[in-house]
Amino acid sequence: MEPSVKDRYIILGFVGFAILLISSIATLIVAEKFNQDNFVRLIVFVCGNLLGLSLIHISEPTRQEAIS
């Protein structure tokens, strides 16, 4: 059975939320070691999100081939 567009976006939404959550937790842990420096928080949060979103982008063609 082929998943609908709605199902696909729901799954991507959960994955995106998980990426944000993991990035937020990593930001808090790293910022604690650097005495709560806001610049470090920003860098870790942005880099974590970019890494997670790039992993979704890289895995997208693989998932499309598996569905077909």
PDB file of N, CA and C in Angstrom:
ATOM      1  N   MET A   1       0.842  -1.172   0.000  1.00  0.00           N
ATOM      2  CA  MET A   1       0.000   0.000   0.000  1.00  0.00           C
ATOM      3  C   MET A   1       0.893   1.242   0.000  1.00  0.00           C
ATOM      4  N   GLU A   2       0.597   2.160  -0.890  1.00  0.00           N
ATOM      5  CA  GLU A   2       1.400   3.366  -1.024  1.00  0.00           C
ATOM      6  C   GLU A   2       0.923   4.421  -0.030  1.00  0.00           C
ATOM      7  N   PRO A   3       1.862   5.042   0.699  1.00  0.00           N
ATOM      8  CA  PRO A   3       1.455   6.066   1.669  1.00  0.00           C
ATOM      9  C   PRO A   3       0.969   7.327   0.963  1.00  0.00           C
ATOM     10  N   SER A   4       0.015   7.972   1.568  1.00  0.00           N
ATOM     11  CA  SER A   4      -0.511   9.202   0.987  1.00  0.00           C
ATOM     12  C   SER A   4       0.413  10.366   1.317  1.00  0.00           C
ATOM     13  N   VAL A   5       0.169  11.478   0.664  1.00  0.00           N
ATOM     14  CA  VAL A   5       0.963  12.679   0.905  1.00  0.00           C
ATOM     15  C   VAL A   5       0.802  13.141   2.350  1.00  0.00           C
ATOM     16  N   LYS A   6      -0.407  13.029   2.876  1.00  0.00           N
ATOM     17  CA  LYS A   6      -0.666  13.441   4.261  1.00  0.00           C
ATOM     18  C   LYS A   6       0.166  12.619   5.240  1.00  0.00           C
ATOM     19  N   ASP A   7       0.215  11.295   5.019  1.00  0.00           N
ATOM     20  CA  ASP A   7       1.010  10.430   5.896  1.00  0.00           C
ATOM     21  C   ASP A   7       2.488  10.785   5.833  1.00  0.00           C
ATOM     22  N   ARG A   8       2.943  11.087   4.641  1.00  0.00           N
ATOM     23  CA  ARG A   8       4.351  11.428   4.460  1.00  0.00           C
ATOM     24  C   ARG A   8       4.698  12.706   5.216  1.00  0.00           C
ATOM     25  N   TYR A   9       3.846  13.716   5.139  1.00  0.00           N
ATOM     26  CA  TYR A   9       4.126  14.970   5.831  1.00  0.00           C
ATOM     27  C   TYR A   9       3.985  14.836   7.336  1.00  0.00           C
ATOM     28  N   ILE A  10       3.127  13.970   7.788  1.00  0.00           N
ATOM     29  CA  ILE A  10       3.022  13.723   9.232  1.00  0.00           C
ATOM     30  C   ILE A  10       4.314  13.101   9.741  1.00  0.00           C
ATOM     31  N   ILE A  11       4.844  12.144   9.012  1.00  0.00           N
ATOM     32  CA  ILE A  11       6.092  11.498   9.402  1.00  0.00           C
ATOM     33  C   ILE A  11       7.239  12.508   9.382  1.00  0.00           C
ATOM     34  N   LEU A  12       7.316  13.314   8.313  1.00  0.00           N
ATOM     35  CA  LEU A  12       8.372  14.321   8.241  1.00  0.00           C
ATOM     36  C   LEU A  12       8.231  15.359   9.351  1.00  0.00           C
ATOM     37  N   GLY A  13       7.003  15.666   9.745  1.00  0.00           N
ATOM     38  CA  GLY A  13       6.781  16.594  10.847  1.00  0.00           C
ATOM     39  C   GLY A  13       7.308  16.049  12.163  1.00  0.00           C
ATOM     40  N   PHE A  14       7.057  14.765  12.409  1.00  0.00           N
ATOM     41  CA  PHE A  14       7.576  14.147  13.633  1.00  0.00           C
ATOM     42  C   PHE A  14       9.101  14.095  13.616  1.00  0.00           C
ATOM     43  N   VAL A  15       9.673  13.784  12.475  1.00  0.00           N
ATOM     44  CA  VAL A  15      11.135  13.741  12.370  1.00  0.00           C
ATOM     45  C   VAL A  15      11.717  15.141  12.591  1.00  0.00           C
ATOM     46  N   GLY A  16      11.100  16.152  12.001  1.00  0.00           N
ATOM     47  CA  GLY A  16      11.558  17.527  12.199  1.00  0.00           C
ATOM     48  C   GLY A  16      11.464  17.955  13.649  1.00  0.00           C
ATOM     49  N   PHE A  17      10.384  17.581  14.309  1.00  0.00           N
ATOM     50  CA  PHE A  17      10.233  17.910  15.728  1.00  0.00           C
ATOM     51  C   PHE A  17      11.298  17.204  16.558  1.00  0.00           C
ATOM     52  N   ALA A  18      11.604  15.959  16.220  1.00  0.00           N
ATOM     53  CA  ALA A  18      12.643  15.225  16.942  1.00  0.00           C
ATOM     54  C   ALA A  18      14.003  15.896  16.756  1.00  0.00           C
ATOM     55  N   ILE A  19      14.275  16.385  15.547  1.00  0.00           N
ATOM     56  CA  ILE A  19      15.536  17.086  15.298  1.00  0.00           C
ATOM     57  C   ILE A  19      15.621  18.339  16.150  1.00  0.00           C
ATOM     58  N   LEU A  20      14.538  19.112  16.205  1.00  0.00           N
ATOM     59  CA  LEU A  20      14.530  20.316  17.038  1.00  0.00           C
ATOM     60  C   LEU A  20      14.725  19.983  18.510  1.00  0.00           C
ATOM     61  N   LEU A  21      14.077  18.932  18.972  1.00  0.00           N
ATOM     62  CA  LEU A  21      14.189  18.534  20.371  1.00  0.00           C
ATOM     63  C   LEU A  21      15.613  18.101  20.714  1.00  0.00           C
ATOM     64  N   ILE A  22      16.217  17.290  19.857  1.00  0.00           N
ATOM     65  CA  ILE A  22      17.587  16.837  20.094  1.00  0.00           C
ATOM     66  C   ILE A  22      18.550  18.019  20.060  1.00  0.00           C
ATOM     67  N   SER A  23      18.346  18.942  19.111  1.00  0.00           N
ATOM     68  CA  SER A  23      19.203  20.125  19.029  1.00  0.00           C
ATOM     69  C   SER A  23      19.071  20.990  20.278  1.00  0.00           C
ATOM     70  N   SER A  24      17.857  21.116  20.785  1.00  0.00           N
ATOM     71  CA  SER A  24      17.645  21.916  21.994  1.00  0.00           C
ATOM     72  C   SER A  24      18.335  21.296  23.204  1.00  0.00           C
ATOM     73  N   ILE A  25      18.236  19.997  23.330  1.00  0.00           N
ATOM     74  CA  ILE A  25      18.884  19.311  24.457  1.00  0.00           C
ATOM     75  C   ILE A  25      20.401  19.428  24.342  1.00  0.00           C
ATOM     76  N   ALA A  26      20.932  19.234  23.127  1.00  0.00           N
ATOM     77  CA  ALA A  26      22.381  19.370  22.932  1.00  0.00           C
ATOM     78  C   ALA A  26      22.824  20.794  23.229  1.00  0.00           C
ATOM     79  N   THR A  27      22.003  21.767  22.852  1.00  0.00           N
ATOM     80  CA  THR A  27      22.329  23.163  23.127  1.00  0.00           C
ATOM     81  C   THR A  27      22.428  23.417  24.623  1.00  0.00           C
ATOM     82  N   LEU A  28      21.495  22.892  25.385  1.00  0.00           N
ATOM     83  CA  LEU A  28      21.527  23.084  26.837  1.00  0.00           C
ATOM     84  C   LEU A  28      22.741  22.427  27.472  1.00  0.00           C
ATOM     85  N   ILE A  29      23.086  21.237  26.994  1.00  0.00           N
ATOM     86  CA  ILE A  29      24.233  20.518  27.568  1.00  0.00           C
ATOM     87  C   ILE A  29      25.538  21.245  27.257  1.00  0.00           C
ATOM     88  N   VAL A  30      25.714  21.659  25.993  1.00  0.00           N
ATOM     89  CA  VAL A  30      26.954  22.330  25.606  1.00  0.00           C
ATOM     90  C   VAL A  30      27.040  23.712  26.248  1.00  0.00           C
ATOM     91  N   ALA A  31      25.932  24.442  26.300  1.00  0.00           N
ATOM     92  CA  ALA A  31      25.949  25.779  26.901  1.00  0.00           C
ATOM     93  C   ALA A  31      26.294  25.716  28.389  1.00  0.00           C
ATOM     94  N   GLU A  32      25.909  24.662  29.053  1.00  0.00           N
ATOM     95  CA  GLU A  32      26.241  24.502  30.464  1.00  0.00           C
ATOM     96  C   GLU A  32      27.752  24.432  30.662  1.00  0.00           C
ATOM     97  N   LYS A  33      28.446  23.780  29.738  1.00  0.00           N
ATOM     98  CA  LYS A  33      29.897  23.656  29.841  1.00  0.00           C
ATOM     99  C   LYS A  33      30.608  24.970  29.515  1.00  0.00           C
ATOM    100  N   PHE A  34      29.938  25.853  28.766  1.00  0.00           N
ATOM    101  CA  PHE A  34      30.533  27.140  28.407  1.00  0.00           C
ATOM    102  C   PHE A  34      29.911  28.293  29.195  1.00  0.00           C
ATOM    103  N   ASN A  35      29.403  28.007  30.368  1.00  0.00           N
ATOM    104  CA  ASN A  35      28.829  29.017  31.256  1.00  0.00           C
ATOM    105  C   ASN A  35      27.673  29.788  30.613  1.00  0.00           C
ATOM    106  N   GLN A  36      26.809  29.076  29.921  1.00  0.00           N
ATOM    107  CA  GLN A  36      25.569  29.632  29.340  1.00  0.00           C
ATOM    108  C   GLN A  36      25.831  30.759  28.335  1.00  0.00           C
ATOM    109  N   ASP A  37      26.870  30.638  27.530  1.00  0.00           N
ATOM    110  CA  ASP A  37      27.176  31.654  26.521  1.00  0.00           C
ATOM    111  C   ASP A  37      26.144  31.578  25.395  1.00  0.00           C
ATOM    112  N   ASN A  38      25.493  32.705  25.101  1.00  0.00           N
ATOM    113  CA  ASN A  38      24.433  32.716  24.091  1.00  0.00           C
ATOM    114  C   ASN A  38      24.954  32.448  22.682  1.00  0.00           C
ATOM    115  N   PHE A  39      26.169  32.893  22.390  1.00  0.00           N
ATOM    116  CA  PHE A  39      26.739  32.642  21.068  1.00  0.00           C
ATOM    117  C   PHE A  39      26.938  31.148  20.852  1.00  0.00           C
ATOM    118  N   VAL A  40      27.429  30.455  21.856  1.00  0.00           N
ATOM    119  CA  VAL A  40      27.621  29.007  21.759  1.00  0.00           C
ATOM    120  C   VAL A  40      26.276  28.317  21.600  1.00  0.00           C
ATOM    121  N   ARG A  41      25.264  28.769  22.337  1.00  0.00           N
ATOM    122  CA  ARG A  41      23.929  28.194  22.197  1.00  0.00           C
ATOM    123  C   ARG A  41      23.423  28.316  20.763  1.00  0.00           C
ATOM    124  N   LEU A  42      23.581  29.497  20.182  1.00  0.00           N
ATOM    125  CA  LEU A  42      23.106  29.737  18.827  1.00  0.00           C
ATOM    126  C   LEU A  42      23.828  28.851  17.825  1.00  0.00           C
ATOM    127  N   ILE A  43      25.140  28.775  17.918  1.00  0.00           N
ATOM    128  CA  ILE A  43      25.922  27.973  16.979  1.00  0.00           C
ATOM    129  C   ILE A  43      25.545  26.495  17.076  1.00  0.00           C
ATOM    130  N   VAL A  44      25.454  25.961  18.281  1.00  0.00           N
ATOM    131  CA  VAL A  44      25.128  24.544  18.462  1.00  0.00           C
ATOM    132  C   VAL A  44      23.714  24.261  17.957  1.00  0.00           C
ATOM    133  N   PHE A  45      22.762  25.137  18.251  1.00  0.00           N
ATOM    134  CA  PHE A  45      21.385  24.915  17.826  1.00  0.00           C
ATOM    135  C   PHE A  45      21.271  24.949  16.301  1.00  0.00           C
ATOM    136  N   VAL A  46      21.874  25.929  15.669  1.00  0.00           N
ATOM    137  CA  VAL A  46      21.789  26.047  14.209  1.00  0.00           C
ATOM    138  C   VAL A  46      22.505  24.881  13.532  1.00  0.00           C
ATOM    139  N   CYS A  47      23.687  24.540  14.001  1.00  0.00           N
ATOM    140  CA  CYS A  47      24.424  23.430  13.397  1.00  0.00           C
ATOM    141  C   CYS A  47      23.700  22.098  13.588  1.00  0.00           C
ATOM    142  N   GLY A  48      23.116  21.898  14.740  1.00  0.00           N
ATOM    143  CA  GLY A  48      22.354  20.671  14.977  1.00  0.00           C
ATOM    144  C   GLY A  48      21.157  20.556  14.054  1.00  0.00           C
ATOM    145  N   ASN A  49      20.450  21.658  13.858  1.00  0.00           N
ATOM    146  CA  ASN A  49      19.300  21.633  12.962  1.00  0.00           C
ATOM    147  C   ASN A  49      19.721  21.429  11.510  1.00  0.00           C
ATOM    148  N   LEU A  50      20.786  22.096  11.098  1.00  0.00           N
ATOM    149  CA  LEU A  50      21.262  21.915   9.723  1.00  0.00           C
ATOM    150  C   LEU A  50      21.713  20.484   9.471  1.00  0.00           C
ATOM    151  N   LEU A  51      22.383  19.891  10.437  1.00  0.00           N
ATOM    152  CA  LEU A  51      22.809  18.502  10.290  1.00  0.00           C
ATOM    153  C   LEU A  51      21.608  17.569  10.165  1.00  0.00           C
ATOM    154  N   GLY A  52      20.629  17.745  11.035  1.00  0.00           N
ATOM    155  CA  GLY A  52      19.446  16.884  10.988  1.00  0.00           C
ATOM    156  C   GLY A  52      18.647  17.053   9.706  1.00  0.00           C
ATOM    157  N   LEU A  53      18.455  18.291   9.280  1.00  0.00           N
ATOM    158  CA  LEU A  53      17.695  18.529   8.056  1.00  0.00           C
ATOM    159  C   LEU A  53      18.454  18.047   6.826  1.00  0.00           C
ATOM    160  N   SER A  54      19.780  18.128   6.852  1.00  0.00           N
ATOM    161  CA  SER A  54      20.547  17.611   5.714  1.00  0.00           C
ATOM    162  C   SER A  54      20.456  16.091   5.648  1.00  0.00           C
ATOM    163  N   LEU A  55      20.381  15.438   6.806  1.00  0.00           N
ATOM    164  CA  LEU A  55      20.193  13.989   6.800  1.00  0.00           C
ATOM    165  C   LEU A  55      18.851  13.594   6.202  1.00  0.00           C
ATOM    166  N   ILE A  56      17.816  14.373   6.485  1.00  0.00           N
ATOM    167  CA  ILE A  56      16.513  14.107   5.862  1.00  0.00           C
ATOM    168  C   ILE A  56      16.612  14.304   4.358  1.00  0.00           C
ATOM    169  N   HIS A  57      17.268  15.368   3.940  1.00  0.00           N
ATOM    170  CA  HIS A  57      17.392  15.660   2.510  1.00  0.00           C
ATOM    171  C   HIS A  57      18.182  14.571   1.784  1.00  0.00           C
ATOM    172  N   ILE A  58      19.244  14.077   2.413  1.00  0.00           N
ATOM    173  CA  ILE A  58      20.057  13.029   1.792  1.00  0.00           C
ATOM    174  C   ILE A  58      19.290  11.721   1.709  1.00  0.00           C
ATOM    175  N   SER A  59      18.496  11.401   2.718  1.00  0.00           N
ATOM    176  CA  SER A  59      17.785  10.120   2.732  1.00  0.00           C
ATOM    177  C   SER A  59      16.513  10.137   1.894  1.00  0.00           C
ATOM    178  N   GLU A  60      16.079  11.286   1.427  1.00  0.00           N
ATOM    179  CA  GLU A  60      14.823  11.376   0.665  1.00  0.00           C
ATOM    180  C   GLU A  60      14.839  10.542  -0.615  1.00  0.00           C
ATOM    181  N   PRO A  61      15.863  10.601  -1.475  1.00  0.00           N
ATOM    182  CA  PRO A  61      15.836   9.759  -2.687  1.00  0.00           C
ATOM    183  C   PRO A  61      15.818   8.272  -2.361  1.00  0.00           C
ATOM    184  N   THR A  62      16.486   7.880  -1.287  1.00  0.00           N
ATOM    185  CA  THR A  62      16.505   6.471  -0.898  1.00  0.00           C
ATOM    186  C   THR A  62      15.111   5.999  -0.523  1.00  0.00           C
ATOM    187  N   ARG A  63      14.368   6.841   0.215  1.00  0.00           N
ATOM    188  CA  ARG A  63      13.014   6.451   0.605  1.00  0.00           C
ATOM    189  C   ARG A  63      12.100   6.396  -0.601  1.00  0.00           C
ATOM    190  N   GLN A  64      12.300   7.276  -1.564  1.00  0.00           N
ATOM    191  CA  GLN A  64      11.443   7.265  -2.757  1.00  0.00           C
ATOM    192  C   GLN A  64      11.662   5.995  -3.570  1.00  0.00           C
ATOM    193  N   GLU A  65      12.923   5.523  -3.653  1.00  0.00           N
ATOM    194  CA  GLU A  65      13.192   4.291  -4.384  1.00  0.00           C
ATOM    195  C   GLU A  65      12.605   3.083  -3.667  1.00  0.00           C
ATOM    196  N   ALA A  66      12.608   3.111  -2.346  1.00  0.00           N
ATOM    197  CA  ALA A  66      12.057   1.996  -1.582  1.00  0.00           C
ATOM    198  C   ALA A  66      10.537   1.929  -1.735  1.00  0.00           C
ATOM    199  N   ILE A  67       9.882   3.069  -1.886  1.00  0.00           N
ATOM    200  CA  ILE A  67       8.432   3.092  -2.038  1.00  0.00           C
ATOM    201  C   ILE A  67       8.025   2.576  -3.407  1.00  0.00           C
ATOM    202  N   SER A  68       8.798   2.932  -4.445  1.00  0.00           N
ATOM    203  CA  SER A  68       8.445   2.556  -5.825  1.00  0.00           C
ATOM    204  C   SER A  68       8.537   1.085  -6.072  1.00  0.00           C
TER     205      SER A  68
END
